[in-house]
Amino acid sequence: MVQAYILIQTEVGKASTVAETISKIQGVIQAEDVTGPYDVIVRAQADTVDDLGRMVVAKVQQVDGITRTLTCPVVHL
């Protein structure tokens, strides 16, 4: 199982809607609207890195109102 944080920038005023929509995507553990340089932070999981990438590109990035994403895989050192 691979987990990652997805940091999202949205159009002005869209953070709550984006977080709510993303929270319904399979594999999303949590989606919160936040303040700072990013508007929404998502914790997601998938079976493989490839599956995670497909989820981000095919599902998360397609949500209306998103302008940019940054995916940060969780590592255990």
C-alpha atoms as a PDB file:
ATOM      1  CA  MET A   1       0.000   0.000   0.000  1.00  0.00           C
ATOM      2  CA  VAL A   2       1.314   3.444  -0.988  1.00  0.00           C
ATOM      3  CA  GLN A   3       0.129   6.630   0.702  1.00  0.00           C
ATOM      4  CA  ALA A   4       0.690  10.244  -0.309  1.00  0.00           C
ATOM      5  CA  TYR A   5      -0.263  13.778   0.527  1.00  0.00           C
ATOM      6  CA  ILE A   6      -1.628  15.728  -2.414  1.00  0.00           C
ATOM      7  CA  LEU A   7      -1.224  19.490  -2.053  1.00  0.00           C
ATOM      8  CA  ILE A   8      -3.750  21.394  -4.151  1.00  0.00           C
ATOM      9  CA  GLN A   9      -4.107  24.981  -5.287  1.00  0.00           C
ATOM     10  CA  THR A  10      -7.601  26.019  -6.362  1.00  0.00           C
ATOM     11  CA  GLU A  11      -9.353  28.930  -7.970  1.00  0.00           C
ATOM     12  CA  VAL A  12     -10.378  31.622  -5.493  1.00  0.00           C
ATOM     13  CA  GLY A  13     -13.368  30.527  -3.405  1.00  0.00           C
ATOM     14  CA  LYS A  14     -13.314  26.898  -4.586  1.00  0.00           C
ATOM     15  CA  ALA A  15     -11.381  25.191  -1.760  1.00  0.00           C
ATOM     16  CA  SER A  16     -14.394  23.878   0.174  1.00  0.00           C
ATOM     17  CA  THR A  17     -16.106  22.543  -2.944  1.00  0.00           C
ATOM     18  CA  VAL A  18     -12.901  20.907  -4.185  1.00  0.00           C
ATOM     19  CA  ALA A  19     -12.229  19.257  -0.790  1.00  0.00           C
ATOM     20  CA  GLU A  20     -15.791  17.945  -0.595  1.00  0.00           C
ATOM     21  CA  THR A  21     -15.684  16.537  -4.130  1.00  0.00           C
ATOM     22  CA  ILE A  22     -12.272  14.915  -3.683  1.00  0.00           C
ATOM     23  CA  SER A  23     -13.273  13.324  -0.371  1.00  0.00           C
ATOM     24  CA  LYS A  24     -15.695  11.121  -2.344  1.00  0.00           C
ATOM     25  CA  ILE A  25     -12.986   9.664  -4.608  1.00  0.00           C
ATOM     26  CA  GLN A  26     -12.086   6.040  -3.873  1.00  0.00           C
ATOM     27  CA  GLY A  27      -8.659   5.901  -2.224  1.00  0.00           C
ATOM     28  CA  VAL A  28      -8.924   9.297  -0.565  1.00  0.00           C
ATOM     29  CA  ILE A  29      -8.519   8.964   3.185  1.00  0.00           C
ATOM     30  CA  GLN A  30      -9.027  12.629   4.056  1.00  0.00           C
ATOM     31  CA  ALA A  31      -9.432  15.961   2.253  1.00  0.00           C
ATOM     32  CA  GLU A  32      -9.238  19.250   4.152  1.00  0.00           C
ATOM     33  CA  ASP A  33      -9.363  22.859   3.033  1.00  0.00           C
ATOM     34  CA  VAL A  34      -6.524  24.799   4.663  1.00  0.00           C
ATOM     35  CA  THR A  35      -4.859  28.214   4.655  1.00  0.00           C
ATOM     36  CA  GLY A  36      -1.389  28.965   3.326  1.00  0.00           C
ATOM     37  CA  PRO A  37       0.244  28.386  -0.058  1.00  0.00           C
ATOM     38  CA  TYR A  38      -2.080  25.440  -0.734  1.00  0.00           C
ATOM     39  CA  ASP A  39      -5.859  25.471  -0.473  1.00  0.00           C
ATOM     40  CA  VAL A  40      -6.607  21.764   0.012  1.00  0.00           C
ATOM     41  CA  ILE A  41      -4.493  18.944   1.437  1.00  0.00           C
ATOM     42  CA  VAL A  42      -5.490  15.361   0.668  1.00  0.00           C
ATOM     43  CA  ARG A  43      -4.211  12.098   2.117  1.00  0.00           C
ATOM     44  CA  ALA A  44      -4.703   9.239  -0.327  1.00  0.00           C
ATOM     45  CA  GLN A  45      -3.704   5.614  -0.710  1.00  0.00           C
ATOM     46  CA  ALA A  46      -3.432   3.098  -3.515  1.00  0.00           C
ATOM     47  CA  ASP A  47      -2.022  -0.386  -4.038  1.00  0.00           C
ATOM     48  CA  THR A  48       0.967   0.795  -6.119  1.00  0.00           C
ATOM     49  CA  VAL A  49       2.718   4.018  -7.095  1.00  0.00           C
ATOM     50  CA  ASP A  50       1.299   3.598 -10.611  1.00  0.00           C
ATOM     51  CA  ASP A  51      -2.244   3.277  -9.233  1.00  0.00           C
ATOM     52  CA  LEU A  52      -1.678   6.383  -7.138  1.00  0.00           C
ATOM     53  CA  GLY A  53      -0.475   8.299 -10.182  1.00  0.00           C
ATOM     54  CA  ARG A  54      -3.490   7.195 -12.199  1.00  0.00           C
ATOM     55  CA  MET A  55      -5.828   8.308  -9.397  1.00  0.00           C
ATOM     56  CA  VAL A  56      -4.220  11.739  -9.247  1.00  0.00           C
ATOM     57  CA  VAL A  57      -4.225  12.297 -13.010  1.00  0.00           C
ATOM     58  CA  ALA A  58      -7.534  10.635 -13.924  1.00  0.00           C
ATOM     59  CA  LYS A  59      -9.651  11.601 -10.912  1.00  0.00           C
ATOM     60  CA  VAL A  60      -8.174  14.282  -8.654  1.00  0.00           C
ATOM     61  CA  GLN A  61      -6.849  16.629 -11.341  1.00  0.00           C
ATOM     62  CA  GLN A  62     -10.156  16.445 -13.201  1.00  0.00           C
ATOM     63  CA  VAL A  63     -12.070  18.086 -10.333  1.00  0.00           C
ATOM     64  CA  ASP A  64     -13.405  21.489 -11.368  1.00  0.00           C
ATOM     65  CA  GLY A  65     -11.616  24.403  -9.692  1.00  0.00           C
ATOM     66  CA  ILE A  66      -8.157  22.866  -9.312  1.00  0.00           C
ATOM     67  CA  THR A  67      -5.287  24.873 -10.789  1.00  0.00           C
ATOM     68  CA  ARG A  68      -2.258  22.848  -9.594  1.00  0.00           C
ATOM     69  CA  THR A  69      -1.364  19.712  -7.622  1.00  0.00           C
ATOM     70  CA  LEU A  70       1.792  18.457  -5.948  1.00  0.00           C
ATOM     71  CA  THR A  71       1.906  14.793  -4.897  1.00  0.00           C
ATOM     72  CA  CYS A  72       4.166  13.871  -1.960  1.00  0.00           C
ATOM     73  CA  PRO A  73       4.469  10.106  -1.381  1.00  0.00           C
ATOM     74  CA  VAL A  74       4.877   9.027   2.239  1.00  0.00           C
ATOM     75  CA  VAL A  75       8.175   7.258   2.945  1.00  0.00           C
ATOM     76  CA  HIS A  76       9.251   5.391   6.053  1.00  0.00           C
ATOM     77  CA  LEU A  77      12.999   5.856   6.557  1.00  0.00           C
END
